[in-house]
Amino acid sequence: METLWNFLCRKREQNYQTCLLFLLVHTLIWVLPIGAAAFLVCIRLSLPMSDVIRYTGLVAGYPGMVVGFFGALLYLLRNQ
Protein backbone atom coordinates (compact mmCIF):
# COMPACT_ATOMS: atom_id res chain seq x y z
CA MET A 1 0.00 0.00 0.00
CA GLU A 2 2.83 2.35 0.84
CA THR A 3 4.36 1.91 -2.62
CA LEU A 4 1.05 2.60 -4.36
CA TRP A 5 0.43 5.68 -2.21
CA ASN A 6 3.91 7.08 -2.88
CA PHE A 7 3.54 6.47 -6.61
CA LEU A 8 0.19 8.28 -6.75
CA CYS A 9 1.47 11.19 -4.65
CA ARG A 10 4.31 11.78 -7.11
CA LYS A 11 1.90 11.88 -10.05
CA ARG A 12 -0.80 14.10 -8.51
CA GLU A 13 -0.69 17.53 -6.95
CA GLN A 14 -4.06 17.61 -5.19
CA ASN A 15 -4.48 15.41 -2.14
CA TYR A 16 -8.23 14.83 -2.59
CA GLN A 17 -7.81 13.41 -6.09
CA THR A 18 -4.91 11.27 -4.91
CA CYS A 19 -7.08 9.79 -2.17
CA LEU A 20 -9.90 8.97 -4.58
CA LEU A 21 -7.54 7.41 -7.08
CA PHE A 22 -5.83 5.43 -4.31
CA LEU A 23 -9.17 3.99 -3.14
CA LEU A 24 -10.16 3.07 -6.69
CA VAL A 25 -6.86 1.44 -7.61
CA HIS A 26 -6.53 -0.45 -4.34
CA THR A 27 -10.08 -1.80 -4.67
CA LEU A 28 -9.41 -2.88 -8.26
CA ILE A 29 -6.21 -4.61 -7.19
CA TRP A 30 -8.32 -6.84 -4.96
CA VAL A 31 -11.35 -7.26 -7.24
CA LEU A 32 -9.84 -8.02 -10.63
CA PRO A 33 -7.54 -10.98 -9.88
CA ILE A 34 -10.05 -12.64 -7.55
CA GLY A 35 -12.87 -12.04 -10.04
CA ALA A 36 -10.83 -13.47 -12.91
CA ALA A 37 -9.94 -16.56 -10.88
CA ALA A 38 -13.56 -17.09 -9.83
CA PHE A 39 -14.70 -16.64 -13.43
CA LEU A 40 -12.22 -19.20 -14.71
CA VAL A 41 -13.17 -21.73 -12.02
CA CYS A 42 -16.87 -21.33 -12.80
CA ILE A 43 -16.26 -21.71 -16.52
CA ARG A 44 -14.09 -24.77 -15.88
CA LEU A 45 -16.92 -26.29 -13.83
CA SER A 46 -19.32 -25.66 -16.75
CA LEU A 47 -21.80 -23.70 -14.68
CA PRO A 48 -24.62 -21.79 -16.37
CA MET A 49 -23.75 -18.19 -17.20
CA SER A 50 -26.23 -16.80 -14.66
CA ASP A 51 -24.45 -18.73 -11.90
CA VAL A 52 -21.05 -17.67 -13.22
CA ILE A 53 -22.02 -13.99 -13.00
CA ARG A 54 -23.55 -14.40 -9.55
CA TYR A 55 -20.63 -16.35 -8.06
CA THR A 56 -18.02 -14.12 -9.66
CA GLY A 57 -19.73 -11.03 -8.27
CA LEU A 58 -19.99 -12.50 -4.80
CA VAL A 59 -16.49 -13.93 -4.65
CA ALA A 60 -14.86 -10.78 -6.05
CA GLY A 61 -17.16 -8.19 -4.50
CA TYR A 62 -16.79 -9.01 -0.84
CA PRO A 63 -12.98 -9.11 -0.69
CA GLY A 64 -12.84 -6.09 -2.96
CA MET A 65 -15.05 -4.02 -0.70
CA VAL A 66 -13.90 -5.30 2.68
CA VAL A 67 -10.18 -5.74 2.15
CA GLY A 68 -9.64 -3.42 -0.81
CA PHE A 69 -11.83 -0.40 -0.12
CA PHE A 70 -12.05 -0.43 3.66
CA GLY A 71 -8.40 -1.43 4.03
CA ALA A 72 -7.35 1.50 1.86
CA LEU A 73 -9.72 3.79 3.75
CA LEU A 74 -8.22 2.76 7.10
CA TYR A 75 -4.74 3.28 5.65
CA LEU A 76 -5.65 6.80 4.55
CA LEU A 77 -7.25 7.67 7.88
CA ARG A 78 -4.23 6.41 9.78
CA ASN A 79 -1.73 8.36 7.68
CA GLN A 80 -3.54 11.71 7.48
PDB file of N, CA and C in Angstrom:
ATOM      1  N   MET A   1       0.815  -1.186   0.000  1.00  0.00           N
ATOM      2  CA  MET A   1       0.000   0.000   0.000  1.00  0.00           C
ATOM      3  C   MET A   1       0.863   1.256   0.000  1.00  0.00           C
ATOM      4  N   GLU A   2       1.932   1.197   0.746  1.00  0.00           N
ATOM      5  CA  GLU A   2       2.826   2.352   0.838  1.00  0.00           C
ATOM      6  C   GLU A   2       3.410   2.697  -0.530  1.00  0.00           C
ATOM      7  N   THR A   3       3.777   1.681  -1.298  1.00  0.00           N
ATOM      8  CA  THR A   3       4.356   1.907  -2.622  1.00  0.00           C
ATOM      9  C   THR A   3       3.335   2.544  -3.559  1.00  0.00           C
ATOM     10  N   LEU A   4       2.107   2.040  -3.536  1.00  0.00           N
ATOM     11  CA  LEU A   4       1.045   2.602  -4.364  1.00  0.00           C
ATOM     12  C   LEU A   4       0.771   4.047  -3.976  1.00  0.00           C
ATOM     13  N   TRP A   5       0.698   4.324  -2.678  1.00  0.00           N
ATOM     14  CA  TRP A   5       0.426   5.680  -2.214  1.00  0.00           C
ATOM     15  C   TRP A   5       1.540   6.634  -2.639  1.00  0.00           C
ATOM     16  N   ASN A   6       2.785   6.224  -2.480  1.00  0.00           N
ATOM     17  CA  ASN A   6       3.907   7.081  -2.876  1.00  0.00           C
ATOM     18  C   ASN A   6       3.921   7.330  -4.380  1.00  0.00           C
ATOM     19  N   PHE A   7       3.598   6.316  -5.160  1.00  0.00           N
ATOM     20  CA  PHE A   7       3.540   6.469  -6.606  1.00  0.00           C
ATOM     21  C   PHE A   7       2.464   7.474  -7.008  1.00  0.00           C
ATOM     22  N   LEU A   8       1.285   7.374  -6.409  1.00  0.00           N
ATOM     23  CA  LEU A   8       0.195   8.281  -6.751  1.00  0.00           C
ATOM     24  C   LEU A   8       0.469   9.703  -6.265  1.00  0.00           C
ATOM     25  N   CYS A   9       1.141   9.842  -5.149  1.00  0.00           N
ATOM     26  CA  CYS A   9       1.466  11.185  -4.651  1.00  0.00           C
ATOM     27  C   CYS A   9       2.455  11.896  -5.567  1.00  0.00           C
ATOM     28  N   ARG A  10       3.359  11.166  -6.177  1.00  0.00           N
ATOM     29  CA  ARG A  10       4.311  11.776  -7.108  1.00  0.00           C
ATOM     30  C   ARG A  10       3.613  12.258  -8.372  1.00  0.00           C
ATOM     31  N   LYS A  11       2.565  11.556  -8.798  1.00  0.00           N
ATOM     32  CA  LYS A  11       1.896  11.884 -10.051  1.00  0.00           C
ATOM     33  C   LYS A  11       0.848  12.985  -9.897  1.00  0.00           C
ATOM     34  N   ARG A  12       0.306  13.167  -8.720  1.00  0.00           N
ATOM     35  CA  ARG A  12      -0.801  14.105  -8.511  1.00  0.00           C
ATOM     36  C   ARG A  12      -0.384  15.232  -7.577  1.00  0.00           C
ATOM     37  N   GLU A  13      -0.961  16.386  -7.804  1.00  0.00           N
ATOM     38  CA  GLU A  13      -0.688  17.533  -6.951  1.00  0.00           C
ATOM     39  C   GLU A  13      -1.733  17.657  -5.837  1.00  0.00           C
ATOM     40  N   GLN A  14      -2.981  17.394  -6.155  1.00  0.00           N
ATOM     41  CA  GLN A  14      -4.061  17.608  -5.190  1.00  0.00           C
ATOM     42  C   GLN A  14      -4.263  16.351  -4.353  1.00  0.00           C
ATOM     43  N   ASN A  15      -4.362  16.528  -3.066  1.00  0.00           N
ATOM     44  CA  ASN A  15      -4.476  15.407  -2.136  1.00  0.00           C
ATOM     45  C   ASN A  15      -5.818  14.694  -2.256  1.00  0.00           C
ATOM     46  N   TYR A  16      -6.908  15.435  -2.494  1.00  0.00           N
ATOM     47  CA  TYR A  16      -8.227  14.827  -2.591  1.00  0.00           C
ATOM     48  C   TYR A  16      -8.297  13.862  -3.768  1.00  0.00           C
ATOM     49  N   GLN A  17      -7.798  14.283  -4.923  1.00  0.00           N
ATOM     50  CA  GLN A  17      -7.815  13.406  -6.092  1.00  0.00           C
ATOM     51  C   GLN A  17      -6.910  12.201  -5.891  1.00  0.00           C
ATOM     52  N   THR A  18      -5.807  12.383  -5.202  1.00  0.00           N
ATOM     53  CA  THR A  18      -4.910  11.273  -4.914  1.00  0.00           C
ATOM     54  C   THR A  18      -5.607  10.246  -4.038  1.00  0.00           C
ATOM     55  N   CYS A  19      -6.352  10.705  -3.049  1.00  0.00           N
ATOM     56  CA  CYS A  19      -7.076   9.788  -2.167  1.00  0.00           C
ATOM     57  C   CYS A  19      -8.126   8.994  -2.942  1.00  0.00           C
ATOM     58  N   LEU A  20      -8.878   9.669  -3.794  1.00  0.00           N
ATOM     59  CA  LEU A  20      -9.897   8.970  -4.580  1.00  0.00           C
ATOM     60  C   LEU A  20      -9.279   7.944  -5.517  1.00  0.00           C
ATOM     61  N   LEU A  21      -8.205   8.325  -6.170  1.00  0.00           N
ATOM     62  CA  LEU A  21      -7.536   7.406  -7.078  1.00  0.00           C
ATOM     63  C   LEU A  21      -6.936   6.225  -6.321  1.00  0.00           C
ATOM     64  N   PHE A  22      -6.387   6.486  -5.142  1.00  0.00           N
ATOM     65  CA  PHE A  22      -5.827   5.427  -4.314  1.00  0.00           C
ATOM     66  C   PHE A  22      -6.909   4.418  -3.916  1.00  0.00           C
ATOM     67  N   LEU A  23      -8.078   4.897  -3.499  1.00  0.00           N
ATOM     68  CA  LEU A  23      -9.169   3.993  -3.140  1.00  0.00           C
ATOM     69  C   LEU A  23      -9.616   3.156  -4.331  1.00  0.00           C
ATOM     70  N   LEU A  24      -9.734   3.786  -5.482  1.00  0.00           N
ATOM     71  CA  LEU A  24     -10.159   3.067  -6.689  1.00  0.00           C
ATOM     72  C   LEU A  24      -9.142   2.007  -7.096  1.00  0.00           C
ATOM     73  N   VAL A  25      -7.887   2.378  -7.160  1.00  0.00           N
ATOM     74  CA  VAL A  25      -6.856   1.442  -7.612  1.00  0.00           C
ATOM     75  C   VAL A  25      -6.689   0.298  -6.621  1.00  0.00           C
ATOM     76  N   HIS A  26      -6.697   0.601  -5.339  1.00  0.00           N
ATOM     77  CA  HIS A  26      -6.526  -0.454  -4.340  1.00  0.00           C
ATOM     78  C   HIS A  26      -7.705  -1.423  -4.351  1.00  0.00           C
ATOM     79  N   THR A  27      -8.907  -0.921  -4.568  1.00  0.00           N
ATOM     80  CA  THR A  27     -10.076  -1.802  -4.671  1.00  0.00           C
ATOM     81  C   THR A  27      -9.973  -2.677  -5.912  1.00  0.00           C
ATOM     82  N   LEU A  28      -9.560  -2.098  -7.025  1.00  0.00           N
ATOM     83  CA  LEU A  28      -9.415  -2.882  -8.255  1.00  0.00           C
ATOM     84  C   LEU A  28      -8.318  -3.933  -8.150  1.00  0.00           C
ATOM     85  N   ILE A  29      -7.273  -3.631  -7.391  1.00  0.00           N
ATOM     86  CA  ILE A  29      -6.206  -4.614  -7.188  1.00  0.00           C
ATOM     87  C   ILE A  29      -6.750  -5.860  -6.510  1.00  0.00           C
ATOM     88  N   TRP A  30      -7.733  -5.692  -5.641  1.00  0.00           N
ATOM     89  CA  TRP A  30      -8.319  -6.843  -4.964  1.00  0.00           C
ATOM     90  C   TRP A  30      -9.432  -7.496  -5.771  1.00  0.00           C
ATOM     91  N   VAL A  31     -10.191  -6.709  -6.530  1.00  0.00           N
ATOM     92  CA  VAL A  31     -11.354  -7.261  -7.239  1.00  0.00           C
ATOM     93  C   VAL A  31     -10.963  -8.013  -8.502  1.00  0.00           C
ATOM     94  N   LEU A  32     -10.105  -7.436  -9.313  1.00  0.00           N
ATOM     95  CA  LEU A  32      -9.840  -8.017 -10.630  1.00  0.00           C
ATOM     96  C   LEU A  32      -9.193  -9.397 -10.607  1.00  0.00           C
ATOM     97  N   PRO A  33      -8.121  -9.629  -9.856  1.00  0.00           N
ATOM     98  CA  PRO A  33      -7.544 -10.981  -9.881  1.00  0.00           C
ATOM     99  C   PRO A  33      -8.467 -12.036  -9.264  1.00  0.00           C
ATOM    100  N   ILE A  34      -9.142 -11.683  -8.183  1.00  0.00           N
ATOM    101  CA  ILE A  34     -10.051 -12.640  -7.549  1.00  0.00           C
ATOM    102  C   ILE A  34     -11.245 -12.905  -8.455  1.00  0.00           C
ATOM    103  N   GLY A  35     -11.747 -11.862  -9.107  1.00  0.00           N
ATOM    104  CA  GLY A  35     -12.866 -12.039 -10.037  1.00  0.00           C
ATOM    105  C   GLY A  35     -12.480 -12.883 -11.235  1.00  0.00           C
ATOM    106  N   ALA A  36     -11.285 -12.676 -11.758  1.00  0.00           N
ATOM    107  CA  ALA A  36     -10.829 -13.467 -12.905  1.00  0.00           C
ATOM    108  C   ALA A  36     -10.660 -14.929 -12.513  1.00  0.00           C
ATOM    109  N   ALA A  37     -10.108 -15.177 -11.331  1.00  0.00           N
ATOM    110  CA  ALA A  37      -9.943 -16.561 -10.877  1.00  0.00           C
ATOM    111  C   ALA A  37     -11.291 -17.232 -10.668  1.00  0.00           C
ATOM    112  N   ALA A  38     -12.225 -16.527 -10.054  1.00  0.00           N
ATOM    113  CA  ALA A  38     -13.564 -17.094  -9.833  1.00  0.00           C
ATOM    114  C   ALA A  38     -14.262 -17.368 -11.165  1.00  0.00           C
ATOM    115  N   PHE A  39     -14.106 -16.452 -12.115  1.00  0.00           N
ATOM    116  CA  PHE A  39     -14.705 -16.640 -13.432  1.00  0.00           C
ATOM    117  C   PHE A  39     -14.145 -17.881 -14.125  1.00  0.00           C
ATOM    118  N   LEU A  40     -12.839 -18.043 -14.065  1.00  0.00           N
ATOM    119  CA  LEU A  40     -12.225 -19.204 -14.710  1.00  0.00           C
ATOM    120  C   LEU A  40     -12.626 -20.518 -14.042  1.00  0.00           C
ATOM    121  N   VAL A  41     -12.741 -20.518 -12.725  1.00  0.00           N
ATOM    122  CA  VAL A  41     -13.168 -21.732 -12.015  1.00  0.00           C
ATOM    123  C   VAL A  41     -14.604 -22.075 -12.390  1.00  0.00           C
ATOM    124  N   CYS A  42     -15.471 -21.069 -12.434  1.00  0.00           N
ATOM    125  CA  CYS A  42     -16.868 -21.326 -12.798  1.00  0.00           C
ATOM    126  C   CYS A  42     -16.996 -21.831 -14.230  1.00  0.00           C
ATOM    127  N   ILE A  43     -16.231 -21.251 -15.133  1.00  0.00           N
ATOM    128  CA  ILE A  43     -16.261 -21.712 -16.523  1.00  0.00           C
ATOM    129  C   ILE A  43     -15.739 -23.136 -16.617  1.00  0.00           C
ATOM    130  N   ARG A  44     -14.677 -23.424 -15.879  1.00  0.00           N
ATOM    131  CA  ARG A  44     -14.090 -24.771 -15.882  1.00  0.00           C
ATOM    132  C   ARG A  44     -15.078 -25.809 -15.345  1.00  0.00           C
ATOM    133  N   LEU A  45     -15.914 -25.388 -14.379  1.00  0.00           N
ATOM    134  CA  LEU A  45     -16.921 -26.294 -13.827  1.00  0.00           C
ATOM    135  C   LEU A  45     -18.177 -26.388 -14.697  1.00  0.00           C
ATOM    136  N   SER A  46     -18.200 -25.666 -15.791  1.00  0.00           N
ATOM    137  CA  SER A  46     -19.322 -25.661 -16.746  1.00  0.00           C
ATOM    138  C   SER A  46     -20.641 -25.264 -16.095  1.00  0.00           C
ATOM    139  N   LEU A  47     -20.587 -24.221 -15.299  1.00  0.00           N
ATOM    140  CA  LEU A  47     -21.800 -23.697 -14.676  1.00  0.00           C
ATOM    141  C   LEU A  47     -22.556 -22.831 -15.672  1.00  0.00           C
ATOM    142  N   PRO A  48     -23.868 -22.705 -15.506  1.00  0.00           N
ATOM    143  CA  PRO A  48     -24.623 -21.790 -16.374  1.00  0.00           C
ATOM    144  C   PRO A  48     -24.137 -20.349 -16.193  1.00  0.00           C
ATOM    145  N   MET A  49     -24.289 -19.544 -17.231  1.00  0.00           N
ATOM    146  CA  MET A  49     -23.747 -18.191 -17.196  1.00  0.00           C
ATOM    147  C   MET A  49     -24.364 -17.344 -16.088  1.00  0.00           C
ATOM    148  N   SER A  50     -25.613 -17.566 -15.754  1.00  0.00           N
ATOM    149  CA  SER A  50     -26.227 -16.800 -14.664  1.00  0.00           C
ATOM    150  C   SER A  50     -25.546 -17.113 -13.331  1.00  0.00           C
ATOM    151  N   ASP A  51     -25.177 -18.368 -13.115  1.00  0.00           N
ATOM    152  CA  ASP A  51     -24.453 -18.727 -11.899  1.00  0.00           C
ATOM    153  C   ASP A  51     -23.020 -18.195 -11.925  1.00  0.00           C
ATOM    154  N   VAL A  52     -22.411 -18.193 -13.100  1.00  0.00           N
ATOM    155  CA  VAL A  52     -21.047 -17.669 -13.223  1.00  0.00           C
ATOM    156  C   VAL A  52     -21.023 -16.195 -12.822  1.00  0.00           C
ATOM    157  N   ILE A  53     -21.964 -15.422 -13.316  1.00  0.00           N
ATOM    158  CA  ILE A  53     -22.021 -13.992 -12.997  1.00  0.00           C
ATOM    159  C   ILE A  53     -22.291 -13.790 -11.512  1.00  0.00           C
ATOM    160  N   ARG A  54     -23.212 -14.549 -10.966  1.00  0.00           N
ATOM    161  CA  ARG A  54     -23.547 -14.398  -9.547  1.00  0.00           C
ATOM    162  C   ARG A  54     -22.369 -14.770  -8.659  1.00  0.00           C
ATOM    163  N   TYR A  55     -21.747 -15.907  -8.905  1.00  0.00           N
ATOM    164  CA  TYR A  55     -20.633 -16.347  -8.059  1.00  0.00           C
ATOM    165  C   TYR A  55     -19.408 -15.446  -8.217  1.00  0.00           C
ATOM    166  N   THR A  56     -19.155 -15.006  -9.439  1.00  0.00           N
ATOM    167  CA  THR A  56     -18.021 -14.116  -9.655  1.00  0.00           C
ATOM    168  C   THR A  56     -18.230 -12.795  -8.928  1.00  0.00           C
ATOM    169  N   GLY A  57     -19.432 -12.270  -8.983  1.00  0.00           N
ATOM    170  CA  GLY A  57     -19.734 -11.031  -8.268  1.00  0.00           C
ATOM    171  C   GLY A  57     -19.604 -11.173  -6.769  1.00  0.00           C
ATOM    172  N   LEU A  58     -20.085 -12.286  -6.241  1.00  0.00           N
ATOM    173  CA  LEU A  58     -19.994 -12.497  -4.796  1.00  0.00           C
ATOM    174  C   LEU A  58     -18.558 -12.724  -4.344  1.00  0.00           C
ATOM    175  N   VAL A  59     -17.853 -13.584  -5.063  1.00  0.00           N
ATOM    176  CA  VAL A  59     -16.491 -13.932  -4.653  1.00  0.00           C
ATOM    177  C   VAL A  59     -15.547 -12.741  -4.824  1.00  0.00           C
ATOM    178  N   ALA A  60     -15.747 -11.930  -5.838  1.00  0.00           N
ATOM    179  CA  ALA A  60     -14.862 -10.785  -6.055  1.00  0.00           C
ATOM    180  C   ALA A  60     -15.329  -9.542  -5.306  1.00  0.00           C
ATOM    181  N   GLY A  61     -16.622  -9.402  -5.117  1.00  0.00           N
ATOM    182  CA  GLY A  61     -17.155  -8.192  -4.503  1.00  0.00           C
ATOM    183  C   GLY A  61     -16.855  -8.044  -3.031  1.00  0.00           C
ATOM    184  N   TYR A  62     -17.023  -9.106  -2.275  1.00  0.00           N
ATOM    185  CA  TYR A  62     -16.794  -9.005  -0.838  1.00  0.00           C
ATOM    186  C   TYR A  62     -15.335  -8.735  -0.481  1.00  0.00           C
ATOM    187  N   PRO A  63     -14.369  -9.482  -1.007  1.00  0.00           N
ATOM    188  CA  PRO A  63     -12.976  -9.113  -0.689  1.00  0.00           C
ATOM    189  C   PRO A  63     -12.601  -7.742  -1.237  1.00  0.00           C
ATOM    190  N   GLY A  64     -13.140  -7.396  -2.387  1.00  0.00           N
ATOM    191  CA  GLY A  64     -12.835  -6.090  -2.960  1.00  0.00           C
ATOM    192  C   GLY A  64     -13.320  -4.955  -2.085  1.00  0.00           C
ATOM    193  N   MET A  65     -14.522  -5.083  -1.550  1.00  0.00           N
ATOM    194  CA  MET A  65     -15.047  -4.020  -0.705  1.00  0.00           C
ATOM    195  C   MET A  65     -14.443  -4.053   0.697  1.00  0.00           C
ATOM    196  N   VAL A  66     -14.374  -5.223   1.294  1.00  0.00           N
ATOM    197  CA  VAL A  66     -13.904  -5.302   2.684  1.00  0.00           C
ATOM    198  C   VAL A  66     -12.407  -5.065   2.765  1.00  0.00           C
ATOM    199  N   VAL A  67     -11.638  -5.849   2.042  1.00  0.00           N
ATOM    200  CA  VAL A  67     -10.177  -5.737   2.146  1.00  0.00           C
ATOM    201  C   VAL A  67      -9.672  -4.566   1.304  1.00  0.00           C
ATOM    202  N   GLY A  68     -10.148  -4.447   0.078  1.00  0.00           N
ATOM    203  CA  GLY A  68      -9.637  -3.416  -0.808  1.00  0.00           C
ATOM    204  C   GLY A  68     -10.052  -2.017  -0.411  1.00  0.00           C
ATOM    205  N   PHE A  69     -11.350  -1.759  -0.379  1.00  0.00           N
ATOM    206  CA  PHE A  69     -11.827  -0.403  -0.125  1.00  0.00           C
ATOM    207  C   PHE A  69     -11.643   0.008   1.329  1.00  0.00           C
ATOM    208  N   PHE A  70     -12.138  -0.816   2.257  1.00  0.00           N
ATOM    209  CA  PHE A  70     -12.053  -0.427   3.662  1.00  0.00           C
ATOM    210  C   PHE A  70     -10.616  -0.485   4.183  1.00  0.00           C
ATOM    211  N   GLY A  71      -9.813  -1.398   3.653  1.00  0.00           N
ATOM    212  CA  GLY A  71      -8.401  -1.428   4.027  1.00  0.00           C
ATOM    213  C   GLY A  71      -7.684  -0.172   3.577  1.00  0.00           C
ATOM    214  N   ALA A  72      -7.961   0.267   2.350  1.00  0.00           N
ATOM    215  CA  ALA A  72      -7.353   1.503   1.856  1.00  0.00           C
ATOM    216  C   ALA A  72      -7.872   2.708   2.626  1.00  0.00           C
ATOM    217  N   LEU A  73      -9.146   2.692   2.975  1.00  0.00           N
ATOM    218  CA  LEU A  73      -9.718   3.786   3.751  1.00  0.00           C
ATOM    219  C   LEU A  73      -9.067   3.888   5.131  1.00  0.00           C
ATOM    220  N   LEU A  74      -8.893   2.765   5.786  1.00  0.00           N
ATOM    221  CA  LEU A  74      -8.223   2.764   7.097  1.00  0.00           C
ATOM    222  C   LEU A  74      -6.773   3.224   6.955  1.00  0.00           C
ATOM    223  N   TYR A  75      -6.119   2.835   5.880  1.00  0.00           N
ATOM    224  CA  TYR A  75      -4.738   3.279   5.647  1.00  0.00           C
ATOM    225  C   TYR A  75      -4.691   4.798   5.502  1.00  0.00           C
ATOM    226  N   LEU A  76      -5.630   5.361   4.737  1.00  0.00           N
ATOM    227  CA  LEU A  76      -5.653   6.801   4.550  1.00  0.00           C
ATOM    228  C   LEU A  76      -5.955   7.539   5.849  1.00  0.00           C
ATOM    229  N   LEU A  77      -6.901   7.023   6.608  1.00  0.00           N
ATOM    230  CA  LEU A  77      -7.249   7.675   7.883  1.00  0.00           C
ATOM    231  C   LEU A  77      -6.085   7.620   8.875  1.00  0.00           C
ATOM    232  N   ARG A  78      -5.344   6.542   8.861  1.00  0.00           N
ATOM    233  CA  ARG A  78      -4.231   6.407   9.779  1.00  0.00           C
ATOM    234  C   ARG A  78      -3.078   7.334   9.406  1.00  0.00           C
ATOM    235  N   ASN A  79      -2.876   7.573   8.118  1.00  0.00           N
ATOM    236  CA  ASN A  79      -1.731   8.358   7.676  1.00  0.00           C
ATOM    237  C   ASN A  79      -2.021   9.840   7.493  1.00  0.00           C
ATOM    238  N   GLN A  80      -3.254  10.275   7.678  1.00  0.00           N
ATOM    239  CA  GLN A  80      -3.543  11.707   7.481  1.00  0.00           C
ATOM    240  C   GLN A  80      -3.928  12.377   8.755  1.00  0.00           C
TER     241      GLN A  80
END
